[in-house]
Amino acid sequence: MPRRRRGAGGRVVSGDGRPWTRRRSAGVSVGETKDEAGGLRIGFHAPADLERVTALEALSIDSLWVGGHVASPNPTSEAMTSLARLSAVTRRVTIGTSILLLPLYTPTIVAKQVAELDRATGGRVVLGVGIGGEYPAEFSACQVPLRERGRRTNEAIGLLRRLWTGEPVTHDGPFYPMENVRIHPAPARPGGPPIVVAGRQEAAMRRAALLGDGWMPYLYSPRRYAASVATIRELAADAGRDLTGFDWYAFVFVNVDPDGDAAREGAARMLGGTYRQDFRAMVDSVAAAGTPAEVTAKLRAFVDAGARHFIFLPAPGPDGDPDPVIQRLLADIVPSLRDYARATRT
């Protein structure tokens, strides 16, 4: 295998100077069927209750995801701890972070933790990463300058892949220099788990296009999702990077109810409580909320825009029950959505 090094601008490049390209093994990944690998995949943000996680894995879904913060205004879990809990109670589905705020962590710790979890799960881990920044006090608490978060993330992504080879790594980057550091045993998946870049702005799209194995935007409309896909493809093409095997995720807040107005109100209230702003006027632009027919139409628009792996976060409202939302999604929407994706994919 050609050795990788860092190119101009901190990009990860192979020995011949090309942008990073993951070499995937033939066939499909652990936990996938051939049909799922070629069609649409359905995931959910995992509930905190581990019994509910077990029940959810028994349904017709493909993945479960966790996120969190180190310190934020809202009570929240921590991503790596939550991922470890998922690894202990799941047996079949892909598990991943949506997202890990990578600049808050040293790459060696992340590399070791993720390698261990990937081995424990037989190669079922995906590492979703982002740069955060909405809570500056969180960066101050972790002694990470806010203005460095993008550059730290770019450097860390390439370094994680080198550490996952299981070989000694010497690195002279500006943020994480090291000499003869070996993280072993290596992850179960050759080359390590996929690293999926999350975000909303063009800098995140560039990071995904040049360094990532996938793209995971959130609070997007289908129109904005389609524009991001076009941008990433253009950036990758300009860099000479082949996006074969690149994964297109969409993290979607969703609420399904026979009363469409009630569904939109519940989603707006949940988003408002999370992000501390009024979402009532924009909920249709940043969530899939409404009747089953309305949500189906919105999700089909995401498929048309290029999404191939949904991560749903049920948004029934701060005091609502997510289970009816999950049941309506899986019974009334997902089967026809999978058929639609299969019929329209090229």
C-alpha atoms as a PDB file:
ATOM      1  CA  MET A   1       0.000   0.000   0.000  1.00  0.00           C
ATOM      2  CA  PRO A   2       1.395   3.473  -0.871  1.00  0.00           C
ATOM      3  CA  ARG A   3       2.417   5.455   2.144  1.00  0.00           C
ATOM      4  CA  ARG A   4       0.476   8.634   3.008  1.00  0.00           C
ATOM      5  CA  ARG A   5       1.947  11.968   3.961  1.00  0.00           C
ATOM      6  CA  ARG A   6       0.710  15.526   4.474  1.00  0.00           C
ATOM      7  CA  GLY A   7       0.552  17.819   1.490  1.00  0.00           C
ATOM      8  CA  ALA A   8       0.088  21.555   1.113  1.00  0.00           C
ATOM      9  CA  GLY A   9      -2.511  23.062   3.411  1.00  0.00           C
ATOM     10  CA  GLY A  10      -2.381  20.097   5.755  1.00  0.00           C
ATOM     11  CA  ARG A  11      -4.259  17.787   3.373  1.00  0.00           C
ATOM     12  CA  VAL A  12      -3.717  14.063   3.665  1.00  0.00           C
ATOM     13  CA  VAL A  13      -2.233  12.783   0.447  1.00  0.00           C
ATOM     14  CA  SER A  14      -0.922   9.430  -0.719  1.00  0.00           C
ATOM     15  CA  GLY A  15       2.660   8.758  -1.627  1.00  0.00           C
ATOM     16  CA  ASP A  16       2.094   9.990  -5.176  1.00  0.00           C
ATOM     17  CA  GLY A  17       0.624  13.308  -4.016  1.00  0.00           C
ATOM     18  CA  ARG A  18      -3.070  12.628  -4.605  1.00  0.00           C
ATOM     19  CA  PRO A  19      -5.758  13.527  -2.025  1.00  0.00           C
ATOM     20  CA  TRP A  20      -6.745  10.810   0.438  1.00  0.00           C
ATOM     21  CA  THR A  21      -8.801   7.982  -1.035  1.00  0.00           C
ATOM     22  CA  ARG A  22     -10.045   5.124   1.138  1.00  0.00           C
ATOM     23  CA  ARG A  23      -9.342   1.713  -0.347  1.00  0.00           C
ATOM     24  CA  ARG A  24     -12.413  -0.350   0.442  1.00  0.00           C
ATOM     25  CA  SER A  25     -12.381  -4.108   0.431  1.00  0.00           C
ATOM     26  CA  ALA A  26     -14.493  -5.956  -2.096  1.00  0.00           C
ATOM     27  CA  GLY A  27     -18.049  -6.814  -1.125  1.00  0.00           C
ATOM     28  CA  VAL A  28     -20.002  -5.059   1.614  1.00  0.00           C
ATOM     29  CA  SER A  29     -19.199  -3.964   5.124  1.00  0.00           C
ATOM     30  CA  VAL A  30     -19.984  -5.851   8.293  1.00  0.00           C
ATOM     31  CA  GLY A  31     -23.694  -5.561   9.083  1.00  0.00           C
ATOM     32  CA  GLU A  32     -24.785  -4.732   5.518  1.00  0.00           C
ATOM     33  CA  THR A  33     -26.662  -6.811   3.024  1.00  0.00           C
ATOM     34  CA  LYS A  34     -25.866  -6.384  -0.654  1.00  0.00           C
ATOM     35  CA  ASP A  35     -29.259  -4.752  -1.217  1.00  0.00           C
ATOM     36  CA  GLU A  36     -28.690  -2.281   1.613  1.00  0.00           C
ATOM     37  CA  ALA A  37     -25.179  -1.503   0.440  1.00  0.00           C
ATOM     38  CA  GLY A  38     -26.525  -0.476  -2.979  1.00  0.00           C
ATOM     39  CA  GLY A  39     -29.690   1.269  -1.784  1.00  0.00           C
ATOM     40  CA  LEU A  40     -30.923   3.431   1.047  1.00  0.00           C
ATOM     41  CA  ARG A  41     -29.807   3.001   4.651  1.00  0.00           C
ATOM     42  CA  ILE A  42     -31.824   4.081   7.673  1.00  0.00           C
ATOM     43  CA  GLY A  43     -30.362   5.097  11.015  1.00  0.00           C
ATOM     44  CA  PHE A  44     -31.560   6.699  14.235  1.00  0.00           C
ATOM     45  CA  HIS A  45     -30.031   8.798  16.937  1.00  0.00           C
ATOM     46  CA  ALA A  46     -29.858   6.273  19.768  1.00  0.00           C
ATOM     47  CA  PRO A  47     -31.976   6.775  22.887  1.00  0.00           C
ATOM     48  CA  ALA A  48     -30.267   6.973  26.263  1.00  0.00           C
ATOM     49  CA  ASP A  49     -32.231   3.973  27.590  1.00  0.00           C
ATOM     50  CA  LEU A  50     -30.236   0.864  26.642  1.00  0.00           C
ATOM     51  CA  GLU A  51     -33.336  -1.354  26.656  1.00  0.00           C
ATOM     52  CA  ARG A  52     -34.835   0.922  24.012  1.00  0.00           C
ATOM     53  CA  VAL A  53     -31.586   0.669  22.043  1.00  0.00           C
ATOM     54  CA  THR A  54     -31.910  -3.119  22.012  1.00  0.00           C
ATOM     55  CA  ALA A  55     -35.528  -2.885  20.905  1.00  0.00           C
ATOM     56  CA  LEU A  56     -34.639  -0.416  18.162  1.00  0.00           C
ATOM     57  CA  GLU A  57     -31.849  -2.631  16.811  1.00  0.00           C
ATOM     58  CA  ALA A  58     -34.393  -5.434  16.395  1.00  0.00           C
ATOM     59  CA  LEU A  59     -36.331  -3.306  13.870  1.00  0.00           C
ATOM     60  CA  SER A  60     -35.579  -2.830  10.182  1.00  0.00           C
ATOM     61  CA  ILE A  61     -32.848  -0.240  10.621  1.00  0.00           C
ATOM     62  CA  ASP A  62     -29.192  -0.120   9.630  1.00  0.00           C
ATOM     63  CA  SER A  63     -27.423   2.139  12.099  1.00  0.00           C
ATOM     64  CA  LEU A  64     -27.523   3.844  15.499  1.00  0.00           C
ATOM     65  CA  TRP A  65     -25.733   7.070  16.383  1.00  0.00           C
ATOM     66  CA  VAL A  66     -24.688   9.096  19.406  1.00  0.00           C
ATOM     67  CA  GLY A  67     -23.334  12.592  19.912  1.00  0.00           C
ATOM     68  CA  GLY A  68     -22.758  15.000  22.712  1.00  0.00           C
ATOM     69  CA  HIS A  69     -20.647  17.713  24.244  1.00  0.00           C
ATOM     70  CA  VAL A  70     -18.059  18.001  26.966  1.00  0.00           C
ATOM     71  CA  ALA A  71     -19.696  21.131  28.405  1.00  0.00           C
ATOM     72  CA  SER A  72     -22.796  22.856  27.047  1.00  0.00           C
ATOM     73  CA  PRO A  73     -25.817  24.785  28.350  1.00  0.00           C
ATOM     74  CA  ASN A  74     -28.088  21.772  27.845  1.00  0.00           C
ATOM     75  CA  PRO A  75     -27.616  18.488  29.742  1.00  0.00           C
ATOM     76  CA  THR A  76     -25.995  16.108  27.274  1.00  0.00           C
ATOM     77  CA  SER A  77     -23.957  12.940  27.022  1.00  0.00           C
ATOM     78  CA  GLU A  78     -20.340  12.666  25.869  1.00  0.00           C
ATOM     79  CA  ALA A  79     -19.883  11.102  22.449  1.00  0.00           C
ATOM     80  CA  MET A  80     -17.139   8.523  23.065  1.00  0.00           C
ATOM     81  CA  THR A  81     -18.667   7.276  26.304  1.00  0.00           C
ATOM     82  CA  SER A  82     -22.012   6.893  24.563  1.00  0.00           C
ATOM     83  CA  LEU A  83     -20.390   5.067  21.641  1.00  0.00           C
ATOM     84  CA  ALA A  84     -18.845   2.590  24.081  1.00  0.00           C
ATOM     85  CA  ARG A  85     -22.273   1.958  25.619  1.00  0.00           C
ATOM     86  CA  LEU A  86     -23.708   1.317  22.147  1.00  0.00           C
ATOM     87  CA  SER A  87     -20.921  -1.130  21.365  1.00  0.00           C
ATOM     88  CA  ALA A  88     -21.818  -3.168  24.455  1.00  0.00           C
ATOM     89  CA  VAL A  89     -25.516  -3.603  23.681  1.00  0.00           C
ATOM     90  CA  THR A  90     -25.681  -3.857  19.877  1.00  0.00           C
ATOM     91  CA  ARG A  91     -24.816  -6.861  17.735  1.00  0.00           C
ATOM     92  CA  ARG A  92     -25.841  -6.070  14.151  1.00  0.00           C
ATOM     93  CA  VAL A  93     -26.132  -2.399  13.206  1.00  0.00           C
ATOM     94  CA  THR A  94     -23.443   0.074  12.305  1.00  0.00           C
ATOM     95  CA  ILE A  95     -22.746   2.410  15.228  1.00  0.00           C
ATOM     96  CA  GLY A  96     -21.276   5.859  14.974  1.00  0.00           C
ATOM     97  CA  THR A  97     -20.808   9.337  16.346  1.00  0.00           C
ATOM     98  CA  SER A  98     -23.002  12.141  15.096  1.00  0.00           C
ATOM     99  CA  ILE A  99     -20.911  13.829  16.065  1.00  0.00           C
ATOM    100  CA  LEU A 100     -17.599  13.826  17.927  1.00  0.00           C
ATOM    101  CA  LEU A 101     -16.195  17.341  18.349  1.00  0.00           C
ATOM    102  CA  LEU A 102     -12.760  16.251  17.213  1.00  0.00           C
ATOM    103  CA  PRO A 103     -10.743  19.395  18.049  1.00  0.00           C
ATOM    104  CA  LEU A 104     -11.591  18.974  21.753  1.00  0.00           C
ATOM    105  CA  TYR A 105      -9.726  15.624  21.862  1.00  0.00           C
ATOM    106  CA  THR A 106      -6.153  14.542  21.249  1.00  0.00           C
ATOM    107  CA  PRO A 107      -5.922  12.258  18.197  1.00  0.00           C
ATOM    108  CA  THR A 108      -3.972   9.563  20.039  1.00  0.00           C
ATOM    109  CA  ILE A 109      -6.760   9.071  22.595  1.00  0.00           C
ATOM    110  CA  VAL A 110      -9.450   9.034  19.891  1.00  0.00           C
ATOM    111  CA  ALA A 111      -7.387   6.627  17.769  1.00  0.00           C
ATOM    112  CA  LYS A 112      -6.973   4.197  20.668  1.00  0.00           C
ATOM    113  CA  GLN A 113     -10.598   4.370  21.820  1.00  0.00           C
ATOM    114  CA  VAL A 114     -12.032   3.957  18.332  1.00  0.00           C
ATOM    115  CA  ALA A 115      -9.634   1.114  17.471  1.00  0.00           C
ATOM    116  CA  GLU A 116     -10.741  -0.756  20.594  1.00  0.00           C
ATOM    117  CA  LEU A 117     -14.436  -0.224  19.865  1.00  0.00           C
ATOM    118  CA  ASP A 118     -14.037  -1.196  16.216  1.00  0.00           C
ATOM    119  CA  ARG A 119     -12.367  -4.448  17.259  1.00  0.00           C
ATOM    120  CA  ALA A 120     -15.006  -5.120  19.914  1.00  0.00           C
ATOM    121  CA  THR A 121     -17.806  -4.699  17.368  1.00  0.00           C
ATOM    122  CA  GLY A 122     -16.202  -6.569  14.490  1.00  0.00           C
ATOM    123  CA  GLY A 123     -15.736  -3.450  12.369  1.00  0.00           C
ATOM    124  CA  ARG A 124     -19.109  -1.744  12.856  1.00  0.00           C
ATOM    125  CA  VAL A 125     -17.878   1.741  13.844  1.00  0.00           C
ATOM    126  CA  VAL A 126     -18.132   4.973  11.839  1.00  0.00           C
ATOM    127  CA  LEU A 127     -16.512   8.133  13.195  1.00  0.00           C
ATOM    128  CA  GLY A 128     -18.547  11.238  12.447  1.00  0.00           C
ATOM    129  CA  VAL A 129     -16.607  14.402  13.259  1.00  0.00           C
ATOM    130  CA  GLY A 130     -17.263  18.114  13.382  1.00  0.00           C
ATOM    131  CA  ILE A 131     -15.611  21.262  14.686  1.00  0.00           C
ATOM    132  CA  GLY A 132     -18.410  22.725  16.860  1.00  0.00           C
ATOM    133  CA  GLY A 133     -17.937  26.249  18.118  1.00  0.00           C
ATOM    134  CA  GLU A 134     -21.467  27.209  19.125  1.00  0.00           C
ATOM    135  CA  TYR A 135     -20.447  26.986  22.780  1.00  0.00           C
ATOM    136  CA  PRO A 136     -17.138  28.901  23.152  1.00  0.00           C
ATOM    137  CA  ALA A 137     -16.949  28.102  26.867  1.00  0.00           C
ATOM    138  CA  GLU A 138     -16.610  24.425  25.956  1.00  0.00           C
ATOM    139  CA  PHE A 139     -13.402  25.142  24.052  1.00  0.00           C
ATOM    140  CA  SER A 140     -12.082  27.312  26.851  1.00  0.00           C
ATOM    141  CA  ALA A 141     -12.785  24.535  29.340  1.00  0.00           C
ATOM    142  CA  CYS A 142     -10.806  22.073  27.188  1.00  0.00           C
ATOM    143  CA  GLN A 143      -8.008  24.629  26.682  1.00  0.00           C
ATOM    144  CA  VAL A 144      -8.453  24.607  22.911  1.00  0.00           C
ATOM    145  CA  PRO A 145      -8.463  28.023  21.172  1.00  0.00           C
ATOM    146  CA  LEU A 146     -11.716  28.395  19.261  1.00  0.00           C
ATOM    147  CA  ARG A 147      -9.998  29.880  16.213  1.00  0.00           C
ATOM    148  CA  GLU A 148      -7.842  26.749  15.796  1.00  0.00           C
ATOM    149  CA  ARG A 149     -10.665  24.205  15.663  1.00  0.00           C
ATOM    150  CA  GLY A 150     -10.767  23.817  11.885  1.00  0.00           C
ATOM    151  CA  ARG A 151      -7.020  23.443  11.441  1.00  0.00           C
ATOM    152  CA  ARG A 152      -6.792  21.052  14.380  1.00  0.00           C
ATOM    153  CA  THR A 153      -9.513  18.891  12.844  1.00  0.00           C
ATOM    154  CA  ASN A 154      -7.823  18.781   9.447  1.00  0.00           C
ATOM    155  CA  GLU A 155      -4.558  17.668  11.013  1.00  0.00           C
ATOM    156  CA  ALA A 156      -6.247  15.154  13.298  1.00  0.00           C
ATOM    157  CA  ILE A 157      -8.144  13.387  10.496  1.00  0.00           C
ATOM    158  CA  GLY A 158      -4.970  12.472   8.637  1.00  0.00           C
ATOM    159  CA  LEU A 159      -3.186  11.558  11.832  1.00  0.00           C
ATOM    160  CA  LEU A 160      -5.972   9.214  12.928  1.00  0.00           C
ATOM    161  CA  ARG A 161      -5.602   7.225   9.722  1.00  0.00           C
ATOM    162  CA  ARG A 162      -1.860   6.930  10.187  1.00  0.00           C
ATOM    163  CA  LEU A 163      -2.262   5.822  13.803  1.00  0.00           C
ATOM    164  CA  TRP A 164      -4.832   3.200  12.727  1.00  0.00           C
ATOM    165  CA  THR A 165      -2.224   1.409  10.616  1.00  0.00           C
ATOM    166  CA  GLY A 166      -0.860  -0.060  13.856  1.00  0.00           C
ATOM    167  CA  GLU A 167       2.642   1.063  12.892  1.00  0.00           C
ATOM    168  CA  PRO A 168       4.873   3.609  14.667  1.00  0.00           C
ATOM    169  CA  VAL A 169       4.004   7.176  13.698  1.00  0.00           C
ATOM    170  CA  THR A 170       6.249  10.215  13.739  1.00  0.00           C
ATOM    171  CA  HIS A 171       4.467  13.460  12.996  1.00  0.00           C
ATOM    172  CA  ASP A 172       5.702  17.061  12.975  1.00  0.00           C
ATOM    173  CA  GLY A 173       2.402  18.900  12.561  1.00  0.00           C
ATOM    174  CA  PRO A 174       1.785  22.208  14.351  1.00  0.00           C
ATOM    175  CA  PHE A 175      -0.789  20.879  16.819  1.00  0.00           C
ATOM    176  CA  TYR A 176      -0.026  17.202  17.450  1.00  0.00           C
ATOM    177  CA  PRO A 177       3.700  16.487  17.037  1.00  0.00           C
ATOM    178  CA  MET A 178       4.797  13.018  18.113  1.00  0.00           C
ATOM    179  CA  GLU A 179       7.634  10.571  17.642  1.00  0.00           C
ATOM    180  CA  ASN A 180       7.398   6.782  17.270  1.00  0.00           C
ATOM    181  CA  VAL A 181       3.869   6.541  18.673  1.00  0.00           C
ATOM    182  CA  ARG A 182       2.240   3.195  17.992  1.00  0.00           C
ATOM    183  CA  ILE A 183      -1.471   2.532  18.522  1.00  0.00           C
ATOM    184  CA  HIS A 184      -1.992  -1.213  18.350  1.00  0.00           C
ATOM    185  CA  PRO A 185      -3.681  -3.543  17.854  1.00  0.00           C
ATOM    186  CA  ALA A 186      -5.159  -1.831  14.812  1.00  0.00           C
ATOM    187  CA  PRO A 187      -8.917  -1.514  14.211  1.00  0.00           C
ATOM    188  CA  ALA A 188     -10.789  -4.491  12.801  1.00  0.00           C
ATOM    189  CA  ARG A 189     -11.559  -2.671   9.575  1.00  0.00           C
ATOM    190  CA  PRO A 190      -8.449  -2.336   7.378  1.00  0.00           C
ATOM    191  CA  GLY A 191      -7.379   1.291   7.350  1.00  0.00           C
ATOM    192  CA  GLY A 192      -9.665   2.066  10.258  1.00  0.00           C
ATOM    193  CA  PRO A 193     -13.304   3.127  10.412  1.00  0.00           C
ATOM    194  CA  PRO A 194     -14.655   5.630   7.884  1.00  0.00           C
ATOM    195  CA  ILE A 195     -14.360   9.256   8.976  1.00  0.00           C
ATOM    196  CA  VAL A 196     -17.479  11.206   8.026  1.00  0.00           C
ATOM    197  CA  VAL A 197     -17.369  14.995   8.121  1.00  0.00           C
ATOM    198  CA  ALA A 198     -20.352  16.885   9.515  1.00  0.00           C
ATOM    199  CA  GLY A 199     -21.125  20.569   9.194  1.00  0.00           C
ATOM    200  CA  ARG A 200     -23.150  23.190   7.374  1.00  0.00           C
ATOM    201  CA  GLN A 201     -20.683  25.647   5.824  1.00  0.00           C
ATOM    202  CA  GLU A 202     -18.371  25.505   2.821  1.00  0.00           C
ATOM    203  CA  ALA A 203     -15.283  24.925   4.973  1.00  0.00           C
ATOM    204  CA  ALA A 204     -16.868  21.686   6.181  1.00  0.00           C
ATOM    205  CA  MET A 205     -17.734  20.725   2.603  1.00  0.00           C
ATOM    206  CA  ARG A 206     -14.110  21.265   1.608  1.00  0.00           C
ATOM    207  CA  ARG A 207     -12.980  19.117   4.542  1.00  0.00           C
ATOM    208  CA  ALA A 208     -15.348  16.352   3.436  1.00  0.00           C
ATOM    209  CA  ALA A 209     -14.314  16.630  -0.210  1.00  0.00           C
ATOM    210  CA  LEU A 210     -10.575  16.459   0.472  1.00  0.00           C
ATOM    211  CA  LEU A 211     -10.250  14.450   3.686  1.00  0.00           C
ATOM    212  CA  GLY A 212     -13.486  12.656   4.536  1.00  0.00           C
ATOM    213  CA  ASP A 213     -15.103   9.347   3.702  1.00  0.00           C
ATOM    214  CA  GLY A 214     -18.551  10.905   3.765  1.00  0.00           C
ATOM    215  CA  TRP A 215     -20.658  14.024   4.318  1.00  0.00           C
ATOM    216  CA  MET A 216     -23.200  14.487   7.136  1.00  0.00           C
ATOM    217  CA  PRO A 217     -24.919  17.885   7.156  1.00  0.00           C
ATOM    218  CA  TYR A 218     -27.693  18.770   9.596  1.00  0.00           C
ATOM    219  CA  LEU A 219     -30.485  21.390   9.713  1.00  0.00           C
ATOM    220  CA  TYR A 220     -30.549  21.315   5.913  1.00  0.00           C
ATOM    221  CA  SER A 221     -33.352  21.534   3.395  1.00  0.00           C
ATOM    222  CA  PRO A 222     -33.261  19.191   0.380  1.00  0.00           C
ATOM    223  CA  ARG A 223     -32.346  22.162  -1.802  1.00  0.00           C
ATOM    224  CA  ARG A 224     -29.381  23.035   0.375  1.00  0.00           C
ATOM    225  CA  TYR A 225     -28.375  19.375   0.541  1.00  0.00           C
ATOM    226  CA  ALA A 226     -28.311  19.164  -3.273  1.00  0.00           C
ATOM    227  CA  ALA A 227     -26.154  22.297  -3.436  1.00  0.00           C
ATOM    228  CA  SER A 228     -23.703  20.829  -0.919  1.00  0.00           C
ATOM    229  CA  VAL A 229     -23.402  17.612  -2.938  1.00  0.00           C
ATOM    230  CA  ALA A 230     -22.584  19.630  -6.051  1.00  0.00           C
ATOM    231  CA  THR A 231     -20.003  21.675  -4.133  1.00  0.00           C
ATOM    232  CA  ILE A 232     -18.284  18.619  -2.679  1.00  0.00           C
ATOM    233  CA  ARG A 233     -18.150  16.872  -6.039  1.00  0.00           C
ATOM    234  CA  GLU A 234     -16.671  19.982  -7.651  1.00  0.00           C
ATOM    235  CA  LEU A 235     -14.069  20.441  -4.904  1.00  0.00           C
ATOM    236  CA  ALA A 236     -13.072  16.781  -5.117  1.00  0.00           C
ATOM    237  CA  ALA A 237     -12.829  16.887  -8.899  1.00  0.00           C
ATOM    238  CA  ASP A 238     -10.661  20.006  -8.775  1.00  0.00           C
ATOM    239  CA  ALA A 239      -8.333  18.165  -6.382  1.00  0.00           C
ATOM    240  CA  GLY A 240      -8.263  15.032  -8.533  1.00  0.00           C
ATOM    241  CA  ARG A 241      -9.981  12.966  -5.864  1.00  0.00           C
ATOM    242  CA  ASP A 242     -12.208  10.019  -6.809  1.00  0.00           C
ATOM    243  CA  LEU A 243     -15.329   9.909  -4.593  1.00  0.00           C
ATOM    244  CA  THR A 244     -16.147   6.290  -5.355  1.00  0.00           C
ATOM    245  CA  GLY A 245     -17.285   4.762  -2.065  1.00  0.00           C
ATOM    246  CA  PHE A 246     -17.962   8.170  -0.506  1.00  0.00           C
ATOM    247  CA  ASP A 247     -21.045   8.056   1.760  1.00  0.00           C
ATOM    248  CA  TRP A 248     -23.818  10.658   1.625  1.00  0.00           C
ATOM    249  CA  TYR A 249     -25.550  11.031   4.998  1.00  0.00           C
ATOM    250  CA  ALA A 250     -28.389  13.332   6.016  1.00  0.00           C
ATOM    251  CA  PHE A 251     -29.029  14.019   9.700  1.00  0.00           C
ATOM    252  CA  VAL A 252     -32.729  14.917   9.860  1.00  0.00           C
ATOM    253  CA  PHE A 253     -34.939  16.015  12.733  1.00  0.00           C
ATOM    254  CA  VAL A 254     -38.275  14.331  12.066  1.00  0.00           C
ATOM    255  CA  ASN A 255     -41.795  14.334  13.479  1.00  0.00           C
ATOM    256  CA  VAL A 256     -44.709  12.435  11.948  1.00  0.00           C
ATOM    257  CA  ASP A 257     -48.311  12.902  13.055  1.00  0.00           C
ATOM    258  CA  PRO A 258     -51.727  12.747  11.378  1.00  0.00           C
ATOM    259  CA  ASP A 259     -52.041  16.365  12.498  1.00  0.00           C
ATOM    260  CA  GLY A 260     -49.353  18.056  10.424  1.00  0.00           C
ATOM    261  CA  ASP A 261     -49.527  21.363  12.289  1.00  0.00           C
ATOM    262  CA  ALA A 262     -49.049  19.563  15.616  1.00  0.00           C
ATOM    263  CA  ALA A 263     -46.032  17.739  14.155  1.00  0.00           C
ATOM    264  CA  ARG A 264     -44.432  20.989  13.021  1.00  0.00           C
ATOM    265  CA  GLU A 265     -45.123  22.679  16.353  1.00  0.00           C
ATOM    266  CA  GLY A 266     -43.557  19.784  18.272  1.00  0.00           C
ATOM    267  CA  ALA A 267     -40.444  19.801  16.100  1.00  0.00           C
ATOM    268  CA  ALA A 268     -40.083  23.583  16.379  1.00  0.00           C
ATOM    269  CA  ARG A 269     -40.364  23.422  20.174  1.00  0.00           C
ATOM    270  CA  MET A 270     -37.746  20.677  20.419  1.00  0.00           C
ATOM    271  CA  LEU A 271     -35.317  22.491  18.129  1.00  0.00           C
ATOM    272  CA  GLY A 272     -35.917  25.739  19.989  1.00  0.00           C
ATOM    273  CA  GLY A 273     -35.085  24.093  23.293  1.00  0.00           C
ATOM    274  CA  THR A 274     -31.907  22.585  21.855  1.00  0.00           C
ATOM    275  CA  TYR A 275     -30.550  25.611  19.994  1.00  0.00           C
ATOM    276  CA  ARG A 276     -32.091  28.386  22.152  1.00  0.00           C
ATOM    277  CA  GLN A 277     -33.947  30.167  19.342  1.00  0.00           C
ATOM    278  CA  ASP A 278     -37.412  30.268  17.778  1.00  0.00           C
ATOM    279  CA  PHE A 279     -37.744  27.694  14.972  1.00  0.00           C
ATOM    280  CA  ARG A 280     -41.448  28.094  14.202  1.00  0.00           C
ATOM    281  CA  ALA A 281     -40.916  30.170  11.080  1.00  0.00           C
ATOM    282  CA  MET A 282     -38.167  27.944   9.676  1.00  0.00           C
ATOM    283  CA  VAL A 283     -39.083  24.426  10.810  1.00  0.00           C
ATOM    284  CA  ASP A 284     -40.090  23.391   7.288  1.00  0.00           C
ATOM    285  CA  SER A 285     -36.596  24.322   6.072  1.00  0.00           C
ATOM    286  CA  VAL A 286     -34.599  22.441   8.708  1.00  0.00           C
ATOM    287  CA  ALA A 287     -36.743  19.426   9.637  1.00  0.00           C
ATOM    288  CA  ALA A 288     -39.067  16.822   8.133  1.00  0.00           C
ATOM    289  CA  ALA A 289     -42.245  17.402  10.123  1.00  0.00           C
ATOM    290  CA  GLY A 290     -45.864  16.907   9.154  1.00  0.00           C
ATOM    291  CA  THR A 291     -48.280  14.223   8.071  1.00  0.00           C
ATOM    292  CA  PRO A 292     -46.958  10.911   6.735  1.00  0.00           C
ATOM    293  CA  ALA A 293     -47.513  12.158   3.181  1.00  0.00           C
ATOM    294  CA  GLU A 294     -45.694  15.432   3.875  1.00  0.00           C
ATOM    295  CA  VAL A 295     -42.726  13.737   5.527  1.00  0.00           C
ATOM    296  CA  THR A 296     -42.525  11.160   2.734  1.00  0.00           C
ATOM    297  CA  ALA A 297     -42.380  13.947   0.155  1.00  0.00           C
ATOM    298  CA  LYS A 298     -39.645  15.772   2.092  1.00  0.00           C
ATOM    299  CA  LEU A 299     -37.514  12.631   2.482  1.00  0.00           C
ATOM    300  CA  ARG A 300     -37.943  11.739  -1.196  1.00  0.00           C
ATOM    301  CA  ALA A 301     -36.609  15.206  -1.996  1.00  0.00           C
ATOM    302  CA  PHE A 302     -33.524  14.411   0.091  1.00  0.00           C
ATOM    303  CA  VAL A 303     -33.068  11.188  -1.881  1.00  0.00           C
ATOM    304  CA  ASP A 304     -33.359  13.161  -5.126  1.00  0.00           C
ATOM    305  CA  ALA A 305     -30.720  15.531  -3.743  1.00  0.00           C
ATOM    306  CA  GLY A 306     -28.285  12.654  -3.205  1.00  0.00           C
ATOM    307  CA  ALA A 307     -28.823  11.407   0.362  1.00  0.00           C
ATOM    308  CA  ARG A 308     -28.264   7.659   0.753  1.00  0.00           C
ATOM    309  CA  HIS A 309     -28.068   7.197   4.529  1.00  0.00           C
ATOM    310  CA  PHE A 310     -30.574   8.938   6.789  1.00  0.00           C
ATOM    311  CA  ILE A 311     -29.946   9.523  10.484  1.00  0.00           C
ATOM    312  CA  PHE A 312     -33.277  10.394  12.066  1.00  0.00           C
ATOM    313  CA  LEU A 313     -33.644  12.202  15.352  1.00  0.00           C
ATOM    314  CA  PRO A 314     -37.323  12.006  16.423  1.00  0.00           C
ATOM    315  CA  ALA A 315     -38.526  15.489  17.399  1.00  0.00           C
ATOM    316  CA  PRO A 316     -41.989  15.135  18.980  1.00  0.00           C
ATOM    317  CA  GLY A 317     -41.440  18.082  21.300  1.00  0.00           C
ATOM    318  CA  PRO A 318     -39.667  18.483  24.639  1.00  0.00           C
ATOM    319  CA  ASP A 319     -42.207  16.304  26.451  1.00  0.00           C
ATOM    320  CA  GLY A 320     -43.294  14.134  23.525  1.00  0.00           C
ATOM    321  CA  ASP A 321     -42.917  10.380  23.090  1.00  0.00           C
ATOM    322  CA  PRO A 322     -40.485   9.471  20.282  1.00  0.00           C
ATOM    323  CA  ASP A 323     -41.785   5.902  19.907  1.00  0.00           C
ATOM    324  CA  PRO A 324     -44.910   6.783  17.844  1.00  0.00           C
ATOM    325  CA  VAL A 325     -42.680   8.822  15.521  1.00  0.00           C
ATOM    326  CA  ILE A 326     -40.355   5.849  15.047  1.00  0.00           C
ATOM    327  CA  GLN A 327     -43.275   3.494  14.481  1.00  0.00           C
ATOM    328  CA  ARG A 328     -44.882   5.752  11.862  1.00  0.00           C
ATOM    329  CA  LEU A 329     -41.562   6.236  10.100  1.00  0.00           C
ATOM    330  CA  LEU A 330     -40.790   2.533   9.877  1.00  0.00           C
ATOM    331  CA  ALA A 331     -44.339   1.400   9.080  1.00  0.00           C
ATOM    332  CA  ASP A 332     -45.700   4.166   6.876  1.00  0.00           C
ATOM    333  CA  ILE A 333     -42.718   5.887   5.273  1.00  0.00           C
ATOM    334  CA  VAL A 334     -39.453   3.918   5.172  1.00  0.00           C
ATOM    335  CA  PRO A 335     -40.643   0.932   3.065  1.00  0.00           C
ATOM    336  CA  SER A 336     -41.857   3.153   0.222  1.00  0.00           C
ATOM    337  CA  LEU A 337     -38.815   5.415   0.640  1.00  0.00           C
ATOM    338  CA  ARG A 338     -36.478   2.460   0.158  1.00  0.00           C
ATOM    339  CA  ASP A 339     -38.449   1.445  -2.944  1.00  0.00           C
ATOM    340  CA  TYR A 340     -38.270   4.991  -4.254  1.00  0.00           C
ATOM    341  CA  ALA A 341     -34.508   5.178  -3.746  1.00  0.00           C
ATOM    342  CA  ARG A 342     -33.996   1.816  -5.417  1.00  0.00           C
ATOM    343  CA  ALA A 343     -36.159   2.784  -8.401  1.00  0.00           C
ATOM    344  CA  THR A 344     -34.551   6.192  -8.938  1.00  0.00           C
ATOM    345  CA  ARG A 345     -30.879   5.512  -8.254  1.00  0.00           C
ATOM    346  CA  THR A 346     -28.580   5.630 -11.231  1.00  0.00           C
END
